[in-house]
Amino acid sequence: MAAKAAFGIQLGLKTAVQHRPRLLLTLHPQDSLPTSSGKMASALAPSSTGMVATQPEPEPADQDLAPLLPQQPGQVSRFAAKARSRKISKLTVSDGMANFGTAISIFNELSDFTGVAGPFLKMGLGVVQEIISIFEEVKENGEACAKFIETALGIYQLFAEDARREGLAIQPGTAAAVLIEPVINKLLKFGSEVDQYAQLSAWRRTFKRSFIKSLVEQHSADLDRSLSLFSARSNFTLVIRSDRALSHTSSTASILAVVNKPGQIEPPQ
């Protein structure tokens, strides 16, 4: 009897363990996660024990610019995240977007320079691409917005051409970055405001058309002032060259220290 009772207790414990409630995270093969390049990556990755959830790593350029984003207000940060996720590609002028013809031509030209001009150009083009897509959807105030985009891309054109000519990409923390960061911040602020406008219902947007037009004109005037500051390209070229000189300072410091030791060089007779 004792043996049977013990066996019954063991069987009961085993059954209780097998049927205890568990919290499971179920991932299906069709589930996917957005990557920073705009593509969809599978949320499942093979492992020795089956399939596990993975988190896509940000691209190197996104890692460089990450410190800029937390400094933005919440709405701007959300818009910036959308812009960062865009894959930079050539644009075409769709129906009803004839006003953006010049802006799109400049955009397509600059899209070839993202590798040599650095992450700031990539980020700026991502913001511009997001703004254009919004106006393509709402199809309102296109002429004023196109003027704003052309001005912004004109500034980026100056930066990109100087960076390409000097063979030195604009990286965060450099003197050149200090000049271009305000331009990105202006684009992000404008883009977030336009994004909020686009999320309104059609009849609500009707009452805000004049406000948005005034907003676009205000931002365009602000960028015009920035463009006038950057029009003296020789000044910016000097800034890039100073960044290059600073990058070589550490490598030449040891050489100068050896040469300047007392008695190293005999004075002329």
C-alpha atoms as a PDB file:
ATOM      1  CA  MET A   1       0.000   0.000   0.000  1.00  0.00           C
ATOM      2  CA  ALA A   2       2.816   2.392   0.900  1.00  0.00           C
ATOM      3  CA  ALA A   3       4.521   1.725  -2.434  1.00  0.00           C
ATOM      4  CA  LYS A   4       1.310   2.412  -4.340  1.00  0.00           C
ATOM      5  CA  ALA A   5       0.764   5.656  -2.402  1.00  0.00           C
ATOM      6  CA  ALA A   6       4.306   6.828  -3.167  1.00  0.00           C
ATOM      7  CA  PHE A   7       3.851   6.014  -6.850  1.00  0.00           C
ATOM      8  CA  GLY A   8       0.587   7.967  -6.859  1.00  0.00           C
ATOM      9  CA  ILE A   9       2.250  11.025  -5.339  1.00  0.00           C
ATOM     10  CA  GLN A  10       5.092  10.939  -7.916  1.00  0.00           C
ATOM     11  CA  LEU A  11       2.603  10.604 -10.767  1.00  0.00           C
ATOM     12  CA  GLY A  12       0.572  13.531  -9.423  1.00  0.00           C
ATOM     13  CA  LEU A  13       3.636  15.789  -9.159  1.00  0.00           C
ATOM     14  CA  LYS A  14       4.743  14.921 -12.688  1.00  0.00           C
ATOM     15  CA  THR A  15       1.279  15.679 -14.045  1.00  0.00           C
ATOM     16  CA  ALA A  16       1.158  19.027 -12.211  1.00  0.00           C
ATOM     17  CA  VAL A  17       4.530  20.089 -13.638  1.00  0.00           C
ATOM     18  CA  GLN A  18       3.485  19.128 -17.151  1.00  0.00           C
ATOM     19  CA  HIS A  19       0.249  21.111 -16.912  1.00  0.00           C
ATOM     20  CA  ARG A  20       1.421  24.222 -15.104  1.00  0.00           C
ATOM     21  CA  PRO A  21       0.551  27.444 -17.022  1.00  0.00           C
ATOM     22  CA  ARG A  22       3.351  28.946 -19.083  1.00  0.00           C
ATOM     23  CA  LEU A  23       3.688  32.327 -20.898  1.00  0.00           C
ATOM     24  CA  LEU A  24       4.757  31.790 -24.492  1.00  0.00           C
ATOM     25  CA  LEU A  25       5.880  34.315 -27.135  1.00  0.00           C
ATOM     26  CA  THR A  26       4.774  32.930 -30.477  1.00  0.00           C
ATOM     27  CA  LEU A  27       6.555  34.216 -33.578  1.00  0.00           C
ATOM     28  CA  HIS A  28       5.432  33.126 -37.010  1.00  0.00           C
ATOM     29  CA  PRO A  29       7.731  32.831 -40.024  1.00  0.00           C
ATOM     30  CA  GLN A  30       5.790  35.557 -41.808  1.00  0.00           C
ATOM     31  CA  ASP A  31       6.400  38.031 -38.977  1.00  0.00           C
ATOM     32  CA  SER A  32       9.013  40.643 -39.846  1.00  0.00           C
ATOM     33  CA  LEU A  33      10.766  43.597 -38.294  1.00  0.00           C
ATOM     34  CA  PRO A  34      11.620  46.920 -39.985  1.00  0.00           C
ATOM     35  CA  THR A  35      15.313  47.577 -40.528  1.00  0.00           C
ATOM     36  CA  SER A  36      17.025  50.978 -40.676  1.00  0.00           C
ATOM     37  CA  SER A  37      17.408  50.613 -44.435  1.00  0.00           C
ATOM     38  CA  GLY A  38      13.647  50.448 -44.915  1.00  0.00           C
ATOM     39  CA  LYS A  39      13.588  46.730 -45.774  1.00  0.00           C
ATOM     40  CA  MET A  40      11.719  44.120 -43.778  1.00  0.00           C
ATOM     41  CA  ALA A  41      13.862  41.547 -42.024  1.00  0.00           C
ATOM     42  CA  SER A  42      12.552  38.263 -40.650  1.00  0.00           C
ATOM     43  CA  ALA A  43      11.837  38.365 -36.939  1.00  0.00           C
ATOM     44  CA  LEU A  44      13.082  34.789 -36.646  1.00  0.00           C
ATOM     45  CA  ALA A  45      16.669  33.608 -36.850  1.00  0.00           C
ATOM     46  CA  PRO A  46      17.911  29.991 -36.690  1.00  0.00           C
ATOM     47  CA  SER A  47      19.729  28.808 -33.591  1.00  0.00           C
ATOM     48  CA  SER A  48      20.892  25.509 -32.141  1.00  0.00           C
ATOM     49  CA  THR A  49      17.599  25.226 -30.254  1.00  0.00           C
ATOM     50  CA  GLY A  50      15.235  26.414 -32.996  1.00  0.00           C
ATOM     51  CA  MET A  51      14.073  29.907 -34.014  1.00  0.00           C
ATOM     52  CA  VAL A  52      14.721  32.940 -31.812  1.00  0.00           C
ATOM     53  CA  ALA A  53      13.645  36.578 -32.082  1.00  0.00           C
ATOM     54  CA  THR A  54      16.351  38.934 -33.325  1.00  0.00           C
ATOM     55  CA  GLN A  55      16.699  42.724 -33.273  1.00  0.00           C
ATOM     56  CA  PRO A  56      18.164  44.281 -36.462  1.00  0.00           C
ATOM     57  CA  GLU A  57      21.326  46.332 -35.965  1.00  0.00           C
ATOM     58  CA  PRO A  58      21.296  49.971 -37.160  1.00  0.00           C
ATOM     59  CA  GLU A  59      23.449  50.925 -40.107  1.00  0.00           C
ATOM     60  CA  PRO A  60      26.818  52.580 -39.318  1.00  0.00           C
ATOM     61  CA  ALA A  61      25.604  55.954 -40.569  1.00  0.00           C
ATOM     62  CA  ASP A  62      22.561  55.743 -38.300  1.00  0.00           C
ATOM     63  CA  GLN A  63      24.792  54.928 -35.350  1.00  0.00           C
ATOM     64  CA  ASP A  64      26.855  58.056 -36.059  1.00  0.00           C
ATOM     65  CA  LEU A  65      23.771  60.288 -36.095  1.00  0.00           C
ATOM     66  CA  ALA A  66      21.956  58.633 -33.186  1.00  0.00           C
ATOM     67  CA  PRO A  67      23.186  61.238 -30.639  1.00  0.00           C
ATOM     68  CA  LEU A  68      21.353  63.949 -32.595  1.00  0.00           C
ATOM     69  CA  LEU A  69      17.904  62.401 -32.288  1.00  0.00           C
ATOM     70  CA  PRO A  70      17.331  62.273 -28.507  1.00  0.00           C
ATOM     71  CA  GLN A  71      17.841  66.038 -28.384  1.00  0.00           C
ATOM     72  CA  GLN A  72      14.737  66.566 -30.531  1.00  0.00           C
ATOM     73  CA  PRO A  73      11.190  66.989 -29.167  1.00  0.00           C
ATOM     74  CA  GLY A  74       9.042  63.860 -29.252  1.00  0.00           C
ATOM     75  CA  GLN A  75       7.205  64.541 -32.510  1.00  0.00           C
ATOM     76  CA  VAL A  76      10.412  65.516 -34.296  1.00  0.00           C
ATOM     77  CA  SER A  77      12.132  62.354 -33.050  1.00  0.00           C
ATOM     78  CA  ARG A  78       9.339  60.188 -34.432  1.00  0.00           C
ATOM     79  CA  PHE A  79       9.549  61.916 -37.796  1.00  0.00           C
ATOM     80  CA  ALA A  80      13.350  61.603 -37.760  1.00  0.00           C
ATOM     81  CA  ALA A  81      13.037  57.858 -37.150  1.00  0.00           C
ATOM     82  CA  LYS A  82      10.774  57.545 -40.201  1.00  0.00           C
ATOM     83  CA  ALA A  83      13.234  59.535 -42.304  1.00  0.00           C
ATOM     84  CA  ARG A  84      16.190  57.426 -41.147  1.00  0.00           C
ATOM     85  CA  SER A  85      14.408  54.231 -42.151  1.00  0.00           C
ATOM     86  CA  ARG A  86      14.096  55.366 -45.755  1.00  0.00           C
ATOM     87  CA  LYS A  87      16.411  53.843 -48.315  1.00  0.00           C
ATOM     88  CA  ILE A  88      17.852  56.603 -50.496  1.00  0.00           C
ATOM     89  CA  SER A  89      16.957  55.938 -54.123  1.00  0.00           C
ATOM     90  CA  LYS A  90      16.370  57.888 -57.316  1.00  0.00           C
ATOM     91  CA  LEU A  91      13.049  59.730 -57.480  1.00  0.00           C
ATOM     92  CA  THR A  92      10.759  60.365 -60.430  1.00  0.00           C
ATOM     93  CA  VAL A  93       8.270  63.164 -61.011  1.00  0.00           C
ATOM     94  CA  SER A  94       4.812  61.646 -60.600  1.00  0.00           C
ATOM     95  CA  ASP A  95       1.490  63.081 -61.746  1.00  0.00           C
ATOM     96  CA  GLY A  96       0.597  66.308 -59.997  1.00  0.00           C
ATOM     97  CA  MET A  97       4.168  66.820 -58.764  1.00  0.00           C
ATOM     98  CA  ALA A  98       5.559  68.917 -61.608  1.00  0.00           C
ATOM     99  CA  ASN A  99       6.509  71.647 -59.124  1.00  0.00           C
ATOM    100  CA  PHE A 100       9.079  69.280 -57.634  1.00  0.00           C
ATOM    101  CA  GLY A 101      10.908  68.655 -60.927  1.00  0.00           C
ATOM    102  CA  THR A 102      13.955  70.803 -60.080  1.00  0.00           C
ATOM    103  CA  ALA A 103      14.102  69.574 -56.488  1.00  0.00           C
ATOM    104  CA  ILE A 104      13.982  65.940 -57.593  1.00  0.00           C
ATOM    105  CA  SER A 105      16.774  66.519 -60.130  1.00  0.00           C
ATOM    106  CA  ILE A 106      19.031  67.940 -57.385  1.00  0.00           C
ATOM    107  CA  PHE A 107      18.015  65.104 -55.051  1.00  0.00           C
ATOM    108  CA  ASN A 108      18.964  62.446 -57.601  1.00  0.00           C
ATOM    109  CA  GLU A 109      22.330  64.108 -58.168  1.00  0.00           C
ATOM    110  CA  LEU A 110      23.079  64.221 -54.442  1.00  0.00           C
ATOM    111  CA  SER A 111      22.008  60.611 -53.904  1.00  0.00           C
ATOM    112  CA  ASP A 112      25.238  59.546 -55.643  1.00  0.00           C
ATOM    113  CA  PHE A 113      27.369  61.399 -53.058  1.00  0.00           C
ATOM    114  CA  THR A 114      26.143  59.819 -49.802  1.00  0.00           C
ATOM    115  CA  GLY A 115      29.178  57.547 -49.658  1.00  0.00           C
ATOM    116  CA  VAL A 116      31.735  60.358 -49.903  1.00  0.00           C
ATOM    117  CA  ALA A 117      29.882  63.194 -48.134  1.00  0.00           C
ATOM    118  CA  GLY A 118      29.120  61.334 -44.905  1.00  0.00           C
ATOM    119  CA  PRO A 119      26.038  60.490 -42.812  1.00  0.00           C
ATOM    120  CA  PHE A 120      24.692  64.044 -42.647  1.00  0.00           C
ATOM    121  CA  LEU A 121      23.881  64.012 -46.358  1.00  0.00           C
ATOM    122  CA  LYS A 122      22.188  60.617 -46.059  1.00  0.00           C
ATOM    123  CA  MET A 123      20.074  61.857 -43.166  1.00  0.00           C
ATOM    124  CA  GLY A 124      19.168  65.076 -44.974  1.00  0.00           C
ATOM    125  CA  LEU A 125      18.103  63.228 -48.124  1.00  0.00           C
ATOM    126  CA  GLY A 126      16.023  60.836 -46.039  1.00  0.00           C
ATOM    127  CA  VAL A 127      14.165  63.784 -44.492  1.00  0.00           C
ATOM    128  CA  VAL A 128      13.635  65.401 -47.902  1.00  0.00           C
ATOM    129  CA  GLN A 129      12.375  62.123 -49.361  1.00  0.00           C
ATOM    130  CA  GLU A 130       9.872  61.777 -46.511  1.00  0.00           C
ATOM    131  CA  ILE A 131       8.637  65.364 -46.955  1.00  0.00           C
ATOM    132  CA  ILE A 132       8.176  64.899 -50.708  1.00  0.00           C
ATOM    133  CA  SER A 133       6.179  61.709 -50.130  1.00  0.00           C
ATOM    134  CA  ILE A 134       3.867  63.585 -47.738  1.00  0.00           C
ATOM    135  CA  PHE A 135       3.139  66.346 -50.248  1.00  0.00           C
ATOM    136  CA  GLU A 136       2.705  63.745 -52.969  1.00  0.00           C
ATOM    137  CA  GLU A 137      -0.061  62.254 -50.831  1.00  0.00           C
ATOM    138  CA  VAL A 138      -1.906  65.414 -49.789  1.00  0.00           C
ATOM    139  CA  LYS A 139      -1.213  67.319 -53.059  1.00  0.00           C
ATOM    140  CA  GLU A 140      -1.501  70.724 -51.381  1.00  0.00           C
ATOM    141  CA  ASN A 141       0.839  73.730 -51.215  1.00  0.00           C
ATOM    142  CA  GLY A 142       3.175  71.905 -53.585  1.00  0.00           C
ATOM    143  CA  GLU A 143       4.692  75.008 -55.164  1.00  0.00           C
ATOM    144  CA  ALA A 144       5.708  76.562 -51.838  1.00  0.00           C
ATOM    145  CA  CYS A 145       7.058  73.262 -50.532  1.00  0.00           C
ATOM    146  CA  ALA A 146       9.058  72.673 -53.718  1.00  0.00           C
ATOM    147  CA  LYS A 147      10.764  76.041 -53.200  1.00  0.00           C
ATOM    148  CA  PHE A 148      11.653  75.044 -49.632  1.00  0.00           C
ATOM    149  CA  ILE A 149      13.058  71.676 -50.766  1.00  0.00           C
ATOM    150  CA  GLU A 150      15.127  73.314 -53.525  1.00  0.00           C
ATOM    151  CA  THR A 151      16.673  75.737 -51.023  1.00  0.00           C
ATOM    152  CA  ALA A 152      17.496  72.953 -48.560  1.00  0.00           C
ATOM    153  CA  LEU A 153      19.029  70.773 -51.264  1.00  0.00           C
ATOM    154  CA  GLY A 154      20.994  73.772 -52.537  1.00  0.00           C
ATOM    155  CA  ILE A 155      22.687  74.006 -49.136  1.00  0.00           C
ATOM    156  CA  TYR A 156      23.415  70.288 -49.156  1.00  0.00           C
ATOM    157  CA  GLN A 157      24.835  70.662 -52.644  1.00  0.00           C
ATOM    158  CA  LEU A 158      27.435  73.109 -51.335  1.00  0.00           C
ATOM    159  CA  PHE A 159      28.403  70.775 -48.496  1.00  0.00           C
ATOM    160  CA  ALA A 160      28.514  67.663 -50.677  1.00  0.00           C
ATOM    161  CA  GLU A 161      30.601  69.238 -53.427  1.00  0.00           C
ATOM    162  CA  ASP A 162      33.127  70.630 -50.954  1.00  0.00           C
ATOM    163  CA  ALA A 163      33.355  67.301 -49.124  1.00  0.00           C
ATOM    164  CA  ARG A 164      33.855  65.439 -52.400  1.00  0.00           C
ATOM    165  CA  ARG A 165      36.480  67.896 -53.635  1.00  0.00           C
ATOM    166  CA  GLU A 166      38.432  67.673 -50.384  1.00  0.00           C
ATOM    167  CA  GLY A 167      37.996  63.902 -50.185  1.00  0.00           C
ATOM    168  CA  LEU A 168      36.845  64.131 -46.552  1.00  0.00           C
ATOM    169  CA  ALA A 169      33.387  63.022 -45.394  1.00  0.00           C
ATOM    170  CA  ILE A 170      31.567  65.248 -42.894  1.00  0.00           C
ATOM    171  CA  GLN A 171      31.466  63.331 -39.618  1.00  0.00           C
ATOM    172  CA  PRO A 172      29.735  64.172 -36.306  1.00  0.00           C
ATOM    173  CA  GLY A 173      31.905  66.208 -33.960  1.00  0.00           C
ATOM    174  CA  THR A 174      33.818  68.045 -36.686  1.00  0.00           C
ATOM    175  CA  ALA A 175      33.753  71.779 -37.379  1.00  0.00           C
ATOM    176  CA  ALA A 176      31.899  71.119 -40.643  1.00  0.00           C
ATOM    177  CA  ALA A 177      29.241  69.175 -38.742  1.00  0.00           C
ATOM    178  CA  VAL A 178      28.618  72.179 -36.491  1.00  0.00           C
ATOM    179  CA  LEU A 179      27.650  74.169 -39.595  1.00  0.00           C
ATOM    180  CA  ILE A 180      25.370  71.571 -41.153  1.00  0.00           C
ATOM    181  CA  GLU A 181      23.555  70.352 -38.018  1.00  0.00           C
ATOM    182  CA  PRO A 182      21.254  73.431 -37.886  1.00  0.00           C
ATOM    183  CA  VAL A 183      20.140  72.705 -41.454  1.00  0.00           C
ATOM    184  CA  ILE A 184      19.134  69.157 -40.499  1.00  0.00           C
ATOM    185  CA  ASN A 185      17.303  70.464 -37.439  1.00  0.00           C
ATOM    186  CA  LYS A 186      15.344  72.934 -39.601  1.00  0.00           C
ATOM    187  CA  LEU A 187      14.392  70.135 -41.998  1.00  0.00           C
ATOM    188  CA  LEU A 188      13.315  67.861 -39.157  1.00  0.00           C
ATOM    189  CA  LYS A 189      11.177  70.558 -37.539  1.00  0.00           C
ATOM    190  CA  PHE A 190       9.491  71.419 -40.827  1.00  0.00           C
ATOM    191  CA  GLY A 191       8.975  67.760 -41.714  1.00  0.00           C
ATOM    192  CA  SER A 192       7.383  66.942 -38.362  1.00  0.00           C
ATOM    193  CA  GLU A 193       4.949  69.866 -38.699  1.00  0.00           C
ATOM    194  CA  VAL A 194       3.985  68.826 -42.222  1.00  0.00           C
ATOM    195  CA  ASP A 195       3.602  65.228 -41.054  1.00  0.00           C
ATOM    196  CA  GLN A 196       1.142  66.310 -38.354  1.00  0.00           C
ATOM    197  CA  TYR A 197      -0.785  68.309 -40.954  1.00  0.00           C
ATOM    198  CA  ALA A 198      -0.998  65.306 -43.292  1.00  0.00           C
ATOM    199  CA  GLN A 199      -2.508  63.162 -40.535  1.00  0.00           C
ATOM    200  CA  LEU A 200      -5.545  65.461 -40.269  1.00  0.00           C
ATOM    201  CA  SER A 201      -8.725  64.537 -42.088  1.00  0.00           C
ATOM    202  CA  ALA A 202      -9.278  66.154 -45.494  1.00  0.00           C
ATOM    203  CA  TRP A 203     -11.897  68.614 -44.227  1.00  0.00           C
ATOM    204  CA  ARG A 204      -9.695  69.658 -41.296  1.00  0.00           C
ATOM    205  CA  ARG A 205      -6.789  70.306 -43.670  1.00  0.00           C
ATOM    206  CA  THR A 206      -9.072  72.641 -45.614  1.00  0.00           C
ATOM    207  CA  PHE A 207      -9.165  75.030 -42.664  1.00  0.00           C
ATOM    208  CA  LYS A 208      -5.380  74.930 -42.264  1.00  0.00           C
ATOM    209  CA  ARG A 209      -4.205  75.397 -45.844  1.00  0.00           C
ATOM    210  CA  SER A 210      -3.346  79.057 -45.354  1.00  0.00           C
ATOM    211  CA  PHE A 211      -1.540  78.210 -42.125  1.00  0.00           C
ATOM    212  CA  ILE A 212       0.581  75.540 -43.822  1.00  0.00           C
ATOM    213  CA  LYS A 213       1.357  77.859 -46.729  1.00  0.00           C
ATOM    214  CA  SER A 214       2.514  80.520 -44.278  1.00  0.00           C
ATOM    215  CA  LEU A 215       4.548  77.889 -42.415  1.00  0.00           C
ATOM    216  CA  VAL A 216       6.283  76.750 -45.607  1.00  0.00           C
ATOM    217  CA  GLU A 217       7.099  80.330 -46.595  1.00  0.00           C
ATOM    218  CA  GLN A 218       8.474  81.045 -43.130  1.00  0.00           C
ATOM    219  CA  HIS A 219      10.771  78.017 -43.204  1.00  0.00           C
ATOM    220  CA  SER A 220      11.848  78.853 -46.766  1.00  0.00           C
ATOM    221  CA  ALA A 221      12.862  82.370 -45.721  1.00  0.00           C
ATOM    222  CA  ASP A 222      14.805  80.893 -42.809  1.00  0.00           C
ATOM    223  CA  LEU A 223      16.668  78.543 -45.146  1.00  0.00           C
ATOM    224  CA  ASP A 224      17.342  81.397 -47.570  1.00  0.00           C
ATOM    225  CA  ARG A 225      19.168  83.182 -44.778  1.00  0.00           C
ATOM    226  CA  SER A 226      21.150  80.027 -44.060  1.00  0.00           C
ATOM    227  CA  LEU A 227      22.008  79.652 -47.738  1.00  0.00           C
ATOM    228  CA  SER A 228      23.361  83.197 -47.865  1.00  0.00           C
ATOM    229  CA  LEU A 229      25.665  82.318 -44.977  1.00  0.00           C
ATOM    230  CA  PHE A 230      27.000  79.262 -46.800  1.00  0.00           C
ATOM    231  CA  SER A 231      27.297  80.872 -50.231  1.00  0.00           C
ATOM    232  CA  ALA A 232      30.910  81.826 -49.509  1.00  0.00           C
ATOM    233  CA  ARG A 233      32.092  78.307 -50.300  1.00  0.00           C
ATOM    234  CA  SER A 234      35.737  79.101 -49.750  1.00  0.00           C
ATOM    235  CA  ASN A 235      35.020  79.596 -46.045  1.00  0.00           C
ATOM    236  CA  PHE A 236      33.474  76.160 -45.741  1.00  0.00           C
ATOM    237  CA  THR A 237      36.357  74.635 -47.666  1.00  0.00           C
ATOM    238  CA  LEU A 238      38.722  76.074 -45.064  1.00  0.00           C
ATOM    239  CA  VAL A 239      36.622  74.470 -42.323  1.00  0.00           C
ATOM    240  CA  ILE A 240      36.863  71.050 -43.975  1.00  0.00           C
ATOM    241  CA  ARG A 241      40.608  71.478 -44.398  1.00  0.00           C
ATOM    242  CA  SER A 242      40.918  72.336 -40.706  1.00  0.00           C
ATOM    243  CA  ASP A 243      39.140  69.067 -39.906  1.00  0.00           C
ATOM    244  CA  ARG A 244      41.664  67.241 -42.078  1.00  0.00           C
ATOM    245  CA  ALA A 245      44.562  68.981 -40.312  1.00  0.00           C
ATOM    246  CA  LEU A 246      43.198  68.038 -36.893  1.00  0.00           C
ATOM    247  CA  SER A 247      42.889  64.401 -37.939  1.00  0.00           C
ATOM    248  CA  HIS A 248      46.623  64.347 -38.723  1.00  0.00           C
ATOM    249  CA  THR A 249      47.726  66.181 -35.573  1.00  0.00           C
ATOM    250  CA  SER A 250      48.077  63.063 -33.438  1.00  0.00           C
ATOM    251  CA  SER A 251      50.161  61.242 -36.054  1.00  0.00           C
ATOM    252  CA  THR A 252      52.603  64.137 -36.501  1.00  0.00           C
ATOM    253  CA  ALA A 253      52.908  65.114 -32.834  1.00  0.00           C
ATOM    254  CA  SER A 254      55.438  62.388 -32.048  1.00  0.00           C
ATOM    255  CA  ILE A 255      57.601  63.376 -35.026  1.00  0.00           C
ATOM    256  CA  LEU A 256      57.639  67.027 -33.967  1.00  0.00           C
ATOM    257  CA  ALA A 257      58.509  66.053 -30.410  1.00  0.00           C
ATOM    258  CA  VAL A 258      61.592  64.147 -31.597  1.00  0.00           C
ATOM    259  CA  VAL A 259      62.783  66.922 -33.898  1.00  0.00           C
ATOM    260  CA  ASN A 260      62.388  69.602 -31.231  1.00  0.00           C
ATOM    261  CA  LYS A 261      64.519  67.864 -28.598  1.00  0.00           C
ATOM    262  CA  PRO A 262      67.453  70.026 -27.450  1.00  0.00           C
ATOM    263  CA  GLY A 263      70.578  69.236 -29.385  1.00  0.00           C
ATOM    264  CA  GLN A 264      68.717  67.224 -32.033  1.00  0.00           C
ATOM    265  CA  ILE A 265      69.490  69.744 -34.775  1.00  0.00           C
ATOM    266  CA  GLU A 266      72.802  71.604 -34.865  1.00  0.00           C
ATOM    267  CA  PRO A 267      72.394  75.398 -35.198  1.00  0.00           C
ATOM    268  CA  PRO A 268      73.895  76.915 -38.352  1.00  0.00           C
ATOM    269  CA  GLN A 269      77.506  78.155 -38.037  1.00  0.00           C
END
